[in-house]
Amino acid sequence: IGRVSINQDGMLTIQRGFIWDGASGPAFDDPAMLVASLAHDALCILSSHLGFRFRRAGDGFFRDVLLSNGAPRFRAWYSYLAVTAYTYKARFNAWRLRGSY
C-alpha cells in the first residue's frame, strides 16, 4: 500500500519517502521514539486495509520497538497505553460515523 508493505513472514518494509509526523502528543522525539513512531504509523496505514486486530498488534509492536531501542520500561508502558487509547477512540469514532449505534 503505497510506500509500506508487510510480507507473510511479518517483515515490514517502509520505502524511502514515506512521510510520518513523529510521535503525537507530548512526547520526546528521540531515536527510540522516532523509530517506534515510524513503524507504528506504517502499521496504522496497513491496518486501515487489514482490520482492527492488526492495529492492536501494531500497538504492541510499537512498545516492543521502544524497548528494543533502549527506552525505559515505564516510558514504553505509558506510550503503549497512549497509542492503545487512541486506537480505541479511533475505532469508536469510525463506528459512530457509520451510524452503527
N, C-alpha and C. Protein backbone atom coordinates (compact mmCIF):
# COMPACT_ATOMS: atom_id res chain seq x y z
N ILE A 1 0.87 -1.17 0.00
CA ILE A 1 0.00 0.00 0.00
C ILE A 1 0.91 1.22 0.00
N GLY A 2 1.06 1.83 -1.11
CA GLY A 2 1.94 2.99 -1.18
C GLY A 2 3.38 2.61 -0.90
N ARG A 3 3.97 3.24 0.06
CA ARG A 3 5.37 3.03 0.41
C ARG A 3 5.56 2.08 1.58
N VAL A 4 4.51 1.37 1.95
CA VAL A 4 4.55 0.47 3.10
C VAL A 4 4.03 -0.90 2.68
N SER A 5 4.73 -1.95 3.11
CA SER A 5 4.24 -3.30 2.85
C SER A 5 4.69 -4.23 3.97
N ILE A 6 4.00 -5.33 4.06
CA ILE A 6 4.37 -6.38 5.02
C ILE A 6 4.19 -7.71 4.31
N ASN A 7 5.20 -8.58 4.45
CA ASN A 7 5.07 -9.87 3.77
C ASN A 7 4.45 -10.90 4.71
N GLN A 8 4.28 -12.12 4.22
CA GLN A 8 3.62 -13.16 5.01
C GLN A 8 4.43 -13.59 6.21
N ASP A 9 5.75 -13.31 6.20
CA ASP A 9 6.60 -13.63 7.35
C ASP A 9 6.60 -12.51 8.39
N GLY A 10 5.88 -11.42 8.11
CA GLY A 10 5.80 -10.31 9.05
C GLY A 10 6.90 -9.27 8.87
N MET A 11 7.65 -9.34 7.79
CA MET A 11 8.69 -8.36 7.54
C MET A 11 8.05 -7.06 7.05
N LEU A 12 8.19 -6.01 7.84
CA LEU A 12 7.66 -4.71 7.50
C LEU A 12 8.68 -3.97 6.65
N THR A 13 8.26 -3.44 5.50
CA THR A 13 9.13 -2.66 4.63
C THR A 13 8.54 -1.26 4.49
N ILE A 14 9.37 -0.27 4.81
CA ILE A 14 8.99 1.13 4.66
C ILE A 14 9.96 1.74 3.68
N GLN A 15 9.46 2.17 2.55
CA GLN A 15 10.32 2.70 1.49
C GLN A 15 10.68 4.16 1.76
N ARG A 16 11.81 4.54 1.25
CA ARG A 16 12.25 5.93 1.32
C ARG A 16 11.14 6.82 0.76
N GLY A 17 10.92 7.92 1.43
CA GLY A 17 9.88 8.84 1.01
C GLY A 17 8.58 8.71 1.79
N PHE A 18 8.46 7.68 2.63
CA PHE A 18 7.27 7.56 3.49
C PHE A 18 7.28 8.75 4.45
N ILE A 19 6.16 9.41 4.57
CA ILE A 19 6.07 10.59 5.42
C ILE A 19 5.26 10.26 6.67
N TRP A 20 5.83 10.62 7.80
CA TRP A 20 5.12 10.46 9.07
C TRP A 20 5.46 11.66 9.93
N ASP A 21 4.71 11.86 11.00
CA ASP A 21 4.85 13.07 11.79
C ASP A 21 5.56 12.87 13.13
N GLY A 22 6.27 11.78 13.26
CA GLY A 22 6.93 11.51 14.55
C GLY A 22 5.87 11.15 15.58
N ALA A 23 6.23 11.25 16.83
CA ALA A 23 5.31 10.90 17.91
C ALA A 23 4.26 12.01 18.07
N SER A 24 3.04 11.61 18.31
CA SER A 24 1.96 12.58 18.53
C SER A 24 1.87 12.90 20.02
N GLY A 25 1.37 14.07 20.30
CA GLY A 25 1.17 14.46 21.69
C GLY A 25 2.46 14.89 22.35
N PRO A 26 2.42 14.96 23.67
CA PRO A 26 3.62 15.38 24.40
C PRO A 26 4.61 14.21 24.51
N ALA A 27 5.49 14.12 23.55
CA ALA A 27 6.47 13.03 23.53
C ALA A 27 7.82 13.57 23.10
N PHE A 28 8.87 12.91 23.56
CA PHE A 28 10.22 13.29 23.16
C PHE A 28 10.57 12.54 21.88
N ASP A 29 10.92 13.26 20.85
CA ASP A 29 11.29 12.63 19.59
C ASP A 29 12.77 12.26 19.59
N ASP A 30 13.14 11.35 20.49
CA ASP A 30 14.50 10.83 20.50
C ASP A 30 14.56 9.64 19.55
N PRO A 31 15.75 9.07 19.32
CA PRO A 31 15.85 7.98 18.34
C PRO A 31 14.91 6.80 18.61
N ALA A 32 14.74 6.40 19.86
CA ALA A 32 13.85 5.28 20.15
C ALA A 32 12.42 5.59 19.75
N MET A 33 11.95 6.79 20.07
CA MET A 33 10.58 7.17 19.74
C MET A 33 10.40 7.38 18.24
N LEU A 34 11.40 7.91 17.58
CA LEU A 34 11.29 8.12 16.14
C LEU A 34 11.15 6.80 15.39
N VAL A 35 11.97 5.82 15.76
CA VAL A 35 11.89 4.51 15.11
C VAL A 35 10.54 3.85 15.41
N ALA A 36 10.13 3.89 16.67
CA ALA A 36 8.86 3.27 17.05
C ALA A 36 7.67 3.95 16.39
N SER A 37 7.69 5.29 16.34
CA SER A 37 6.56 6.00 15.74
C SER A 37 6.51 5.79 14.22
N LEU A 38 7.68 5.67 13.60
CA LEU A 38 7.72 5.37 12.16
C LEU A 38 7.06 4.02 11.88
N ALA A 39 7.48 3.00 12.64
CA ALA A 39 6.91 1.67 12.44
C ALA A 39 5.41 1.67 12.75
N HIS A 40 5.02 2.34 13.82
CA HIS A 40 3.61 2.36 14.21
C HIS A 40 2.75 3.06 13.16
N ASP A 41 3.21 4.20 12.66
CA ASP A 41 2.44 4.90 11.63
C ASP A 41 2.31 4.05 10.36
N ALA A 42 3.38 3.36 10.00
CA ALA A 42 3.32 2.48 8.83
C ALA A 42 2.31 1.36 9.06
N LEU A 43 2.31 0.78 10.26
CA LEU A 43 1.37 -0.29 10.56
C LEU A 43 -0.07 0.23 10.62
N CYS A 44 -0.25 1.47 11.06
CA CYS A 44 -1.60 2.05 11.06
C CYS A 44 -2.13 2.19 9.64
N ILE A 45 -1.25 2.57 8.72
CA ILE A 45 -1.67 2.65 7.31
C ILE A 45 -2.13 1.27 6.83
N LEU A 46 -1.34 0.25 7.14
CA LEU A 46 -1.71 -1.11 6.73
C LEU A 46 -2.99 -1.57 7.41
N SER A 47 -3.18 -1.19 8.67
CA SER A 47 -4.36 -1.67 9.41
C SER A 47 -5.66 -1.13 8.83
N SER A 48 -5.58 0.00 8.13
CA SER A 48 -6.80 0.52 7.52
C SER A 48 -7.32 -0.46 6.46
N HIS A 49 -6.45 -1.35 5.98
CA HIS A 49 -6.85 -2.35 5.00
C HIS A 49 -6.96 -3.75 5.61
N LEU A 50 -6.26 -3.97 6.72
CA LEU A 50 -6.20 -5.31 7.28
C LEU A 50 -7.05 -5.49 8.54
N GLY A 51 -7.58 -4.42 9.10
CA GLY A 51 -8.52 -4.54 10.21
C GLY A 51 -7.98 -4.20 11.58
N PHE A 52 -8.92 -4.12 12.53
CA PHE A 52 -8.63 -3.68 13.89
C PHE A 52 -7.65 -4.58 14.62
N ARG A 53 -7.77 -5.87 14.44
CA ARG A 53 -6.87 -6.81 15.12
C ARG A 53 -5.41 -6.51 14.74
N PHE A 54 -5.19 -6.17 13.49
CA PHE A 54 -3.85 -5.82 13.04
C PHE A 54 -3.39 -4.52 13.69
N ARG A 55 -4.30 -3.59 13.88
CA ARG A 55 -3.96 -2.31 14.54
C ARG A 55 -3.51 -2.57 15.97
N ARG A 56 -4.21 -3.44 16.67
CA ARG A 56 -3.82 -3.77 18.05
C ARG A 56 -2.43 -4.40 18.08
N ALA A 57 -2.14 -5.26 17.13
CA ALA A 57 -0.80 -5.85 17.05
C ALA A 57 0.25 -4.77 16.80
N GLY A 58 -0.11 -3.77 16.01
CA GLY A 58 0.79 -2.65 15.75
C GLY A 58 1.10 -1.86 17.00
N ASP A 59 0.11 -1.73 17.89
CA ASP A 59 0.33 -1.03 19.16
C ASP A 59 1.36 -1.79 20.02
N GLY A 60 1.23 -3.11 20.06
CA GLY A 60 2.20 -3.91 20.81
C GLY A 60 3.59 -3.86 20.19
N PHE A 61 3.64 -3.84 18.88
CA PHE A 61 4.92 -3.74 18.18
C PHE A 61 5.59 -2.41 18.50
N PHE A 62 4.81 -1.34 18.57
CA PHE A 62 5.31 -0.02 18.95
C PHE A 62 6.04 -0.09 20.30
N ARG A 63 5.39 -0.73 21.28
CA ARG A 63 6.00 -0.89 22.61
C ARG A 63 7.30 -1.70 22.52
N ASP A 64 7.26 -2.78 21.76
CA ASP A 64 8.44 -3.63 21.64
C ASP A 64 9.61 -2.91 20.96
N VAL A 65 9.30 -2.08 19.96
CA VAL A 65 10.35 -1.32 19.28
C VAL A 65 10.96 -0.30 20.23
N LEU A 66 10.12 0.35 21.03
CA LEU A 66 10.65 1.28 22.03
C LEU A 66 11.64 0.57 22.96
N LEU A 67 11.22 -0.57 23.48
CA LEU A 67 12.08 -1.31 24.41
C LEU A 67 13.38 -1.78 23.75
N SER A 68 13.28 -2.27 22.53
CA SER A 68 14.47 -2.79 21.85
C SER A 68 15.44 -1.67 21.45
N ASN A 69 14.95 -0.44 21.45
CA ASN A 69 15.81 0.70 21.12
C ASN A 69 16.22 1.49 22.36
N GLY A 70 16.07 0.87 23.53
CA GLY A 70 16.62 1.45 24.76
C GLY A 70 15.72 2.34 25.56
N ALA A 71 14.45 2.44 25.22
CA ALA A 71 13.54 3.26 26.03
C ALA A 71 13.32 2.58 27.39
N PRO A 72 13.20 3.36 28.45
CA PRO A 72 12.90 2.77 29.76
C PRO A 72 11.54 2.07 29.74
N ARG A 73 11.41 1.02 30.55
CA ARG A 73 10.17 0.24 30.58
C ARG A 73 8.95 1.10 30.88
N PHE A 74 9.10 2.03 31.83
CA PHE A 74 7.95 2.87 32.19
C PHE A 74 7.51 3.72 31.00
N ARG A 75 8.46 4.28 30.28
CA ARG A 75 8.14 5.09 29.11
C ARG A 75 7.46 4.25 28.03
N ALA A 76 7.97 3.05 27.80
CA ALA A 76 7.36 2.16 26.81
C ALA A 76 5.92 1.82 27.22
N TRP A 77 5.72 1.62 28.53
CA TRP A 77 4.40 1.27 29.05
C TRP A 77 3.41 2.41 28.84
N TYR A 78 3.76 3.64 29.28
CA TYR A 78 2.78 4.72 29.15
C TYR A 78 2.59 5.14 27.69
N SER A 79 3.62 5.00 26.87
CA SER A 79 3.46 5.31 25.45
C SER A 79 2.54 4.30 24.78
N TYR A 80 2.68 3.04 25.16
CA TYR A 80 1.80 1.98 24.65
C TYR A 80 0.35 2.25 25.05
N LEU A 81 0.15 2.64 26.32
CA LEU A 81 -1.22 2.94 26.76
C LEU A 81 -1.82 4.10 25.96
N ALA A 82 -1.00 5.09 25.64
CA ALA A 82 -1.49 6.24 24.88
C ALA A 82 -1.92 5.83 23.47
N VAL A 83 -1.09 5.05 22.78
CA VAL A 83 -1.48 4.67 21.41
C VAL A 83 -2.65 3.70 21.43
N THR A 84 -2.74 2.86 22.45
CA THR A 84 -3.87 1.94 22.56
C THR A 84 -5.17 2.70 22.82
N ALA A 85 -5.11 3.70 23.69
CA ALA A 85 -6.30 4.52 23.95
C ALA A 85 -6.75 5.21 22.67
N TYR A 86 -5.80 5.72 21.91
CA TYR A 86 -6.15 6.38 20.65
C TYR A 86 -6.75 5.38 19.66
N THR A 87 -6.22 4.18 19.63
CA THR A 87 -6.75 3.15 18.74
C THR A 87 -8.22 2.90 19.04
N TYR A 88 -8.57 2.75 20.32
CA TYR A 88 -9.96 2.51 20.67
C TYR A 88 -10.83 3.72 20.38
N LYS A 89 -10.30 4.92 20.61
CA LYS A 89 -11.06 6.14 20.30
C LYS A 89 -11.33 6.22 18.80
N ALA A 90 -10.32 5.94 17.99
CA ALA A 90 -10.49 5.99 16.54
C ALA A 90 -11.51 4.94 16.08
N ARG A 91 -11.46 3.76 16.68
CA ARG A 91 -12.42 2.72 16.29
C ARG A 91 -13.84 3.12 16.66
N PHE A 92 -14.00 3.68 17.86
CA PHE A 92 -15.33 4.12 18.29
C PHE A 92 -15.86 5.21 17.37
N ASN A 93 -15.01 6.18 17.02
CA ASN A 93 -15.45 7.27 16.14
C ASN A 93 -15.85 6.75 14.77
N ALA A 94 -15.10 5.79 14.24
CA ALA A 94 -15.44 5.20 12.95
C ALA A 94 -16.78 4.47 13.04
N TRP A 95 -16.97 3.76 14.14
CA TRP A 95 -18.22 3.03 14.36
C TRP A 95 -19.39 4.01 14.45
N ARG A 96 -19.19 5.11 15.19
CA ARG A 96 -20.24 6.10 15.36
C ARG A 96 -20.57 6.80 14.03
N LEU A 97 -19.55 7.10 13.24
CA LEU A 97 -19.78 7.78 11.96
C LEU A 97 -20.55 6.90 10.97
N ARG A 98 -20.38 5.59 11.10
CA ARG A 98 -21.12 4.68 10.21
C ARG A 98 -22.59 4.57 10.63
N GLY A 99 -22.91 5.09 11.82
CA GLY A 99 -24.28 5.02 12.29
C GLY A 99 -24.64 3.65 12.81
N SER A 100 -23.63 2.92 13.34
CA SER A 100 -23.87 1.56 13.82
C SER A 100 -24.28 1.52 15.28
N TYR A 101 -24.71 2.61 15.83
CA TYR A 101 -25.10 2.60 17.23
C TYR A 101 -26.59 2.52 17.30
